[in-house]
Amino acid sequence: MNFATSKNLVVKNTIFPHRIIHKDTWTSPDGKTHNQIYHILIERRWQSSVLGVRSFRGADCDPGHCLVVAKFRESLAVSKQASQRFDGERFNLRKLNELEVRKQYQFEIANRFAALENLRDDEDINRAWENIKENIKGSAKEILTLQELKQHKPWLDEECLSFLDQRKQAKMQWIHDPSQSNIDNLNN
């Protein structure tokens, strides 16, 4: 408690209205003693954002320990840059390091902008911007080409999923029957 008050934190535990099995965060190896030993600390100014705290017995933690989860109500501000749509085109800019490609790109841009110079002054500014943008993108697509996006391998493969299923089954057996053989099965 002294640590929490010195850091301007509030202790949120499972005091919210839940069933008793969702309030206990630790069970003794004999399965008879239950306690709340895990809590969530949150900064005082955000304490009203906590909607509930409860424990999940089925989460795959150490034997006897339960995962403690809090629900928050929060609205986040979105920056203007993040709200603008990304069209997914990335050009291979490394090609500009090559002298020949750089000259070819400069020549292509110069030709395209030479065609834009005879635009009328009374043309809509938005239309003029669209022309400039399309000319730059078109030149980049022709000369620089699009950069290949990396295809990431899934980090959770079938072997991991099968191991997690086995561990979950062992945990459920231990929850229903906290015998020593089930504890050994869970720890191995």
C-alpha atoms as a PDB file:
ATOM      1  CA  MET A   1       0.000   0.000   0.000  1.00  0.00           C
ATOM      2  CA  ASN A   2       2.842   2.406   0.766  1.00  0.00           C
ATOM      3  CA  PHE A   3       4.306   1.814  -2.678  1.00  0.00           C
ATOM      4  CA  ALA A   4       0.965   2.534  -4.362  1.00  0.00           C
ATOM      5  CA  THR A   5       0.347   5.746  -2.451  1.00  0.00           C
ATOM      6  CA  SER A   6       3.897   6.982  -2.981  1.00  0.00           C
ATOM      7  CA  LYS A   7       3.533   6.530  -6.760  1.00  0.00           C
ATOM      8  CA  ASN A   8      -0.016   7.990  -6.877  1.00  0.00           C
ATOM      9  CA  LEU A   9      -1.489   4.607  -7.768  1.00  0.00           C
ATOM     10  CA  VAL A  10      -4.783   3.009  -6.775  1.00  0.00           C
ATOM     11  CA  VAL A  11      -5.176  -0.706  -6.057  1.00  0.00           C
ATOM     12  CA  LYS A  12      -7.995  -2.259  -8.034  1.00  0.00           C
ATOM     13  CA  ASN A  13      -8.779  -5.815  -7.123  1.00  0.00           C
ATOM     14  CA  THR A  14     -11.685  -8.144  -7.609  1.00  0.00           C
ATOM     15  CA  ILE A  15     -14.081  -6.153  -5.386  1.00  0.00           C
ATOM     16  CA  PHE A  16     -16.478  -5.764  -8.273  1.00  0.00           C
ATOM     17  CA  PRO A  17     -19.655  -7.854  -8.134  1.00  0.00           C
ATOM     18  CA  HIS A  18     -18.649 -11.255  -9.523  1.00  0.00           C
ATOM     19  CA  ARG A  19     -19.092 -14.867  -8.509  1.00  0.00           C
ATOM     20  CA  ILE A  20     -16.639 -16.004  -5.847  1.00  0.00           C
ATOM     21  CA  ILE A  21     -14.708 -18.185  -8.314  1.00  0.00           C
ATOM     22  CA  HIS A  22     -14.004 -15.036 -10.334  1.00  0.00           C
ATOM     23  CA  LYS A  23     -12.652 -13.174  -7.300  1.00  0.00           C
ATOM     24  CA  ASP A  24     -10.006 -15.662  -6.112  1.00  0.00           C
ATOM     25  CA  THR A  25      -6.614 -15.294  -7.791  1.00  0.00           C
ATOM     26  CA  TRP A  26      -4.726 -18.147  -6.110  1.00  0.00           C
ATOM     27  CA  THR A  27      -5.628 -21.676  -5.044  1.00  0.00           C
ATOM     28  CA  SER A  28      -3.454 -23.758  -2.747  1.00  0.00           C
ATOM     29  CA  PRO A  29      -2.141 -27.127  -3.999  1.00  0.00           C
ATOM     30  CA  ASP A  30      -4.659 -28.978  -1.850  1.00  0.00           C
ATOM     31  CA  GLY A  31      -7.477 -27.042  -3.574  1.00  0.00           C
ATOM     32  CA  LYS A  32      -9.111 -25.934  -0.305  1.00  0.00           C
ATOM     33  CA  THR A  33      -7.560 -22.520   0.345  1.00  0.00           C
ATOM     34  CA  HIS A  34      -8.381 -19.597  -1.971  1.00  0.00           C
ATOM     35  CA  ASN A  35      -6.963 -16.067  -1.709  1.00  0.00           C
ATOM     36  CA  GLN A  36      -6.720 -12.794  -3.573  1.00  0.00           C
ATOM     37  CA  ILE A  37      -2.983 -12.276  -3.940  1.00  0.00           C
ATOM     38  CA  TYR A  38      -2.904 -10.473  -7.297  1.00  0.00           C
ATOM     39  CA  HIS A  39      -4.134  -6.942  -7.813  1.00  0.00           C
ATOM     40  CA  ILE A  40      -4.058  -4.311 -10.534  1.00  0.00           C
ATOM     41  CA  LEU A  41      -2.406  -0.953  -9.925  1.00  0.00           C
ATOM     42  CA  ILE A  42      -3.606   2.019 -11.931  1.00  0.00           C
ATOM     43  CA  GLU A  43      -2.777   5.700 -11.860  1.00  0.00           C
ATOM     44  CA  ARG A  44      -5.233   7.646  -9.714  1.00  0.00           C
ATOM     45  CA  ARG A  45      -6.490   9.850 -12.550  1.00  0.00           C
ATOM     46  CA  TRP A  46      -7.593   6.758 -14.521  1.00  0.00           C
ATOM     47  CA  GLN A  47      -9.325   4.925 -11.663  1.00  0.00           C
ATOM     48  CA  SER A  48     -12.817   5.847 -12.860  1.00  0.00           C
ATOM     49  CA  SER A  49     -12.050   4.193 -16.207  1.00  0.00           C
ATOM     50  CA  VAL A  50     -11.898   0.728 -14.633  1.00  0.00           C
ATOM     51  CA  LEU A  51     -15.197  -1.031 -15.277  1.00  0.00           C
ATOM     52  CA  GLY A  52     -14.353  -4.315 -13.630  1.00  0.00           C
ATOM     53  CA  VAL A  53     -11.600  -6.647 -12.453  1.00  0.00           C
ATOM     54  CA  ARG A  54     -11.956 -10.418 -12.347  1.00  0.00           C
ATOM     55  CA  SER A  55      -9.846 -13.535 -12.448  1.00  0.00           C
ATOM     56  CA  PHE A  56      -9.879 -16.197 -15.140  1.00  0.00           C
ATOM     57  CA  ARG A  57      -9.220 -19.696 -13.839  1.00  0.00           C
ATOM     58  CA  GLY A  58      -8.995 -21.274 -17.273  1.00  0.00           C
ATOM     59  CA  ALA A  59      -6.076 -19.129 -18.434  1.00  0.00           C
ATOM     60  CA  ASP A  60      -2.862 -21.098 -18.812  1.00  0.00           C
ATOM     61  CA  CYS A  61      -0.825 -19.801 -15.869  1.00  0.00           C
ATOM     62  CA  ASP A  62       1.145 -21.652 -13.214  1.00  0.00           C
ATOM     63  CA  PRO A  63      -0.837 -24.235 -11.259  1.00  0.00           C
ATOM     64  CA  GLY A  64      -2.980 -22.537  -8.677  1.00  0.00           C
ATOM     65  CA  HIS A  65      -2.584 -19.060 -10.127  1.00  0.00           C
ATOM     66  CA  CYS A  66      -5.287 -17.258 -12.081  1.00  0.00           C
ATOM     67  CA  LEU A  67      -5.014 -14.527 -14.674  1.00  0.00           C
ATOM     68  CA  VAL A  68      -6.359 -11.174 -13.436  1.00  0.00           C
ATOM     69  CA  VAL A  69      -7.965  -9.013 -16.125  1.00  0.00           C
ATOM     70  CA  ALA A  70      -9.381  -5.501 -15.945  1.00  0.00           C
ATOM     71  CA  LYS A  71     -11.944  -3.928 -18.266  1.00  0.00           C
ATOM     72  CA  PHE A  72     -11.343  -0.296 -19.142  1.00  0.00           C
ATOM     73  CA  ARG A  73     -13.485   2.403 -20.657  1.00  0.00           C
ATOM     74  CA  GLU A  74     -11.275   4.736 -22.607  1.00  0.00           C
ATOM     75  CA  SER A  75     -11.549   6.969 -25.619  1.00  0.00           C
ATOM     76  CA  LEU A  76      -8.339   7.678 -27.433  1.00  0.00           C
ATOM     77  CA  ALA A  77      -7.556  10.755 -29.463  1.00  0.00           C
ATOM     78  CA  VAL A  78      -6.535   9.987 -33.016  1.00  0.00           C
ATOM     79  CA  SER A  79      -3.929  12.119 -34.712  1.00  0.00           C
ATOM     80  CA  LYS A  80      -4.694  13.502 -38.145  1.00  0.00           C
ATOM     81  CA  GLN A  81      -1.878  11.524 -39.729  1.00  0.00           C
ATOM     82  CA  ALA A  82      -3.187   8.231 -38.388  1.00  0.00           C
ATOM     83  CA  SER A  83      -6.703   8.968 -39.595  1.00  0.00           C
ATOM     84  CA  GLN A  84      -5.569   9.565 -43.174  1.00  0.00           C
ATOM     85  CA  ARG A  85      -5.894   6.492 -45.346  1.00  0.00           C
ATOM     86  CA  PHE A  86      -2.723   4.802 -46.529  1.00  0.00           C
ATOM     87  CA  ASP A  87      -3.125   3.526 -50.085  1.00  0.00           C
ATOM     88  CA  GLY A  88      -0.559   0.775 -49.637  1.00  0.00           C
ATOM     89  CA  GLU A  89       1.858   1.816 -52.397  1.00  0.00           C
ATOM     90  CA  ARG A  90       5.501   1.889 -51.391  1.00  0.00           C
ATOM     91  CA  PHE A  91       8.085   2.730 -53.974  1.00  0.00           C
ATOM     92  CA  ASN A  92      11.538   1.189 -54.078  1.00  0.00           C
ATOM     93  CA  LEU A  93      13.450   4.365 -53.171  1.00  0.00           C
ATOM     94  CA  ARG A  94      16.763   2.506 -52.902  1.00  0.00           C
ATOM     95  CA  LYS A  95      16.913   2.571 -56.696  1.00  0.00           C
ATOM     96  CA  LEU A  96      17.472   6.336 -56.501  1.00  0.00           C
ATOM     97  CA  ASN A  97      20.967   5.608 -55.150  1.00  0.00           C
ATOM     98  CA  GLU A  98      21.924   4.378 -58.628  1.00  0.00           C
ATOM     99  CA  LEU A  99      23.051   7.306 -60.783  1.00  0.00           C
ATOM    100  CA  GLU A 100      21.434   6.086 -64.003  1.00  0.00           C
ATOM    101  CA  VAL A 101      18.053   5.439 -62.373  1.00  0.00           C
ATOM    102  CA  ARG A 102      18.180   8.821 -60.624  1.00  0.00           C
ATOM    103  CA  LYS A 103      18.823  10.639 -63.923  1.00  0.00           C
ATOM    104  CA  GLN A 104      16.068   8.695 -65.647  1.00  0.00           C
ATOM    105  CA  TYR A 105      13.617   9.583 -62.855  1.00  0.00           C
ATOM    106  CA  GLN A 106      14.606  13.276 -62.977  1.00  0.00           C
ATOM    107  CA  PHE A 107      14.149  13.270 -66.755  1.00  0.00           C
ATOM    108  CA  GLU A 108      10.709  11.624 -66.460  1.00  0.00           C
ATOM    109  CA  ILE A 109       9.576  14.121 -63.809  1.00  0.00           C
ATOM    110  CA  ALA A 110      10.862  17.061 -65.869  1.00  0.00           C
ATOM    111  CA  ASN A 111       8.941  15.841 -68.933  1.00  0.00           C
ATOM    112  CA  ARG A 112       5.726  15.391 -66.982  1.00  0.00           C
ATOM    113  CA  PHE A 113       5.957  18.813 -65.337  1.00  0.00           C
ATOM    114  CA  ALA A 114       6.748  20.463 -68.658  1.00  0.00           C
ATOM    115  CA  ALA A 115       3.333  19.279 -69.805  1.00  0.00           C
ATOM    116  CA  LEU A 116       1.772  20.831 -66.681  1.00  0.00           C
ATOM    117  CA  GLU A 117       3.303  24.279 -67.252  1.00  0.00           C
ATOM    118  CA  ASN A 118       0.715  25.226 -69.839  1.00  0.00           C
ATOM    119  CA  LEU A 119      -2.146  24.821 -67.351  1.00  0.00           C
ATOM    120  CA  ARG A 120      -4.503  27.710 -66.957  1.00  0.00           C
ATOM    121  CA  ASP A 121      -4.252  29.902 -63.863  1.00  0.00           C
ATOM    122  CA  ASP A 122      -7.987  29.780 -63.263  1.00  0.00           C
ATOM    123  CA  GLU A 123      -7.978  25.971 -62.890  1.00  0.00           C
ATOM    124  CA  ASP A 124      -9.158  24.589 -59.561  1.00  0.00           C
ATOM    125  CA  ILE A 125      -6.288  24.275 -57.067  1.00  0.00           C
ATOM    126  CA  ASN A 126      -7.431  20.789 -55.999  1.00  0.00           C
ATOM    127  CA  ARG A 127      -7.419  19.593 -59.602  1.00  0.00           C
ATOM    128  CA  ALA A 128      -3.922  21.047 -60.084  1.00  0.00           C
ATOM    129  CA  TRP A 129      -2.714  19.208 -56.966  1.00  0.00           C
ATOM    130  CA  GLU A 130      -4.224  15.940 -58.222  1.00  0.00           C
ATOM    131  CA  ASN A 131      -2.357  16.373 -61.541  1.00  0.00           C
ATOM    132  CA  ILE A 132       0.949  16.966 -59.748  1.00  0.00           C
ATOM    133  CA  LYS A 133       0.408  14.020 -57.424  1.00  0.00           C
ATOM    134  CA  GLU A 134      -0.537  11.672 -60.263  1.00  0.00           C
ATOM    135  CA  ASN A 135       2.511  12.735 -62.279  1.00  0.00           C
ATOM    136  CA  ILE A 136       4.883  12.043 -59.399  1.00  0.00           C
ATOM    137  CA  LYS A 137       3.247   8.679 -58.632  1.00  0.00           C
ATOM    138  CA  GLY A 138       3.168   7.687 -62.285  1.00  0.00           C
ATOM    139  CA  SER A 139       6.843   8.461 -62.740  1.00  0.00           C
ATOM    140  CA  ALA A 140       7.741   6.559 -59.592  1.00  0.00           C
ATOM    141  CA  LYS A 141       5.730   3.509 -60.694  1.00  0.00           C
ATOM    142  CA  GLU A 142       7.463   3.453 -64.087  1.00  0.00           C
ATOM    143  CA  ILE A 143      11.017   4.094 -62.959  1.00  0.00           C
ATOM    144  CA  LEU A 144      11.270   2.975 -59.323  1.00  0.00           C
ATOM    145  CA  THR A 145       8.604   0.228 -59.340  1.00  0.00           C
ATOM    146  CA  LEU A 146       6.666  -0.792 -56.253  1.00  0.00           C
ATOM    147  CA  GLN A 147       8.461  -2.263 -53.269  1.00  0.00           C
ATOM    148  CA  GLU A 148       7.467  -5.794 -52.343  1.00  0.00           C
ATOM    149  CA  LEU A 149       5.853  -5.959 -48.914  1.00  0.00           C
ATOM    150  CA  LYS A 150       7.332  -8.606 -46.647  1.00  0.00           C
ATOM    151  CA  GLN A 151       5.188 -11.624 -45.980  1.00  0.00           C
ATOM    152  CA  HIS A 152       5.626 -12.465 -42.317  1.00  0.00           C
ATOM    153  CA  LYS A 153       5.565 -16.041 -41.191  1.00  0.00           C
ATOM    154  CA  PRO A 154       2.974 -16.860 -38.561  1.00  0.00           C
ATOM    155  CA  TRP A 155       4.740 -16.951 -35.214  1.00  0.00           C
ATOM    156  CA  LEU A 156       2.306 -19.462 -33.704  1.00  0.00           C
ATOM    157  CA  ASP A 157       2.547 -22.722 -35.649  1.00  0.00           C
ATOM    158  CA  GLU A 158       0.650 -26.011 -35.359  1.00  0.00           C
ATOM    159  CA  GLU A 159       3.172 -27.471 -32.915  1.00  0.00           C
ATOM    160  CA  CYS A 160       2.635 -24.569 -30.496  1.00  0.00           C
ATOM    161  CA  LEU A 161      -1.139 -24.843 -30.812  1.00  0.00           C
ATOM    162  CA  SER A 162      -1.099 -28.569 -30.069  1.00  0.00           C
ATOM    163  CA  PHE A 163       1.151 -27.987 -27.021  1.00  0.00           C
ATOM    164  CA  LEU A 164      -1.236 -25.276 -25.748  1.00  0.00           C
ATOM    165  CA  ASP A 165      -4.217 -27.622 -26.176  1.00  0.00           C
ATOM    166  CA  GLN A 166      -2.450 -30.348 -24.190  1.00  0.00           C
ATOM    167  CA  ARG A 167      -1.581 -27.885 -21.427  1.00  0.00           C
ATOM    168  CA  LYS A 168      -5.147 -26.561 -21.337  1.00  0.00           C
ATOM    169  CA  GLN A 169      -6.535 -30.074 -20.971  1.00  0.00           C
ATOM    170  CA  ALA A 170      -4.079 -30.813 -18.139  1.00  0.00           C
ATOM    171  CA  LYS A 171      -5.072 -27.558 -16.407  1.00  0.00           C
ATOM    172  CA  MET A 172      -8.784 -28.379 -16.674  1.00  0.00           C
ATOM    173  CA  GLN A 173      -8.133 -31.845 -15.192  1.00  0.00           C
ATOM    174  CA  TRP A 174      -6.242 -30.213 -12.326  1.00  0.00           C
ATOM    175  CA  ILE A 175      -9.074 -27.720 -11.698  1.00  0.00           C
ATOM    176  CA  HIS A 176     -11.649 -30.518 -11.481  1.00  0.00           C
ATOM    177  CA  ASP A 177      -9.394 -32.855  -9.457  1.00  0.00           C
ATOM    178  CA  PRO A 178      -6.411 -31.177  -7.717  1.00  0.00           C
ATOM    179  CA  SER A 179      -4.575 -34.430  -7.042  1.00  0.00           C
ATOM    180  CA  GLN A 180      -0.797 -34.771  -7.056  1.00  0.00           C
ATOM    181  CA  SER A 181      -0.806 -36.790 -10.297  1.00  0.00           C
ATOM    182  CA  ASN A 182      -2.712 -34.010 -12.084  1.00  0.00           C
ATOM    183  CA  ILE A 183      -0.275 -31.394 -10.719  1.00  0.00           C
ATOM    184  CA  ASP A 184       2.672 -33.466 -11.993  1.00  0.00           C
ATOM    185  CA  ASN A 185       0.937 -33.874 -15.352  1.00  0.00           C
ATOM    186  CA  LEU A 186       0.446 -30.095 -15.547  1.00  0.00           C
ATOM    187  CA  ASN A 187       4.041 -29.270 -14.620  1.00  0.00           C
ATOM    188  CA  ASN A 188       5.507 -31.667 -17.199  1.00  0.00           C
END
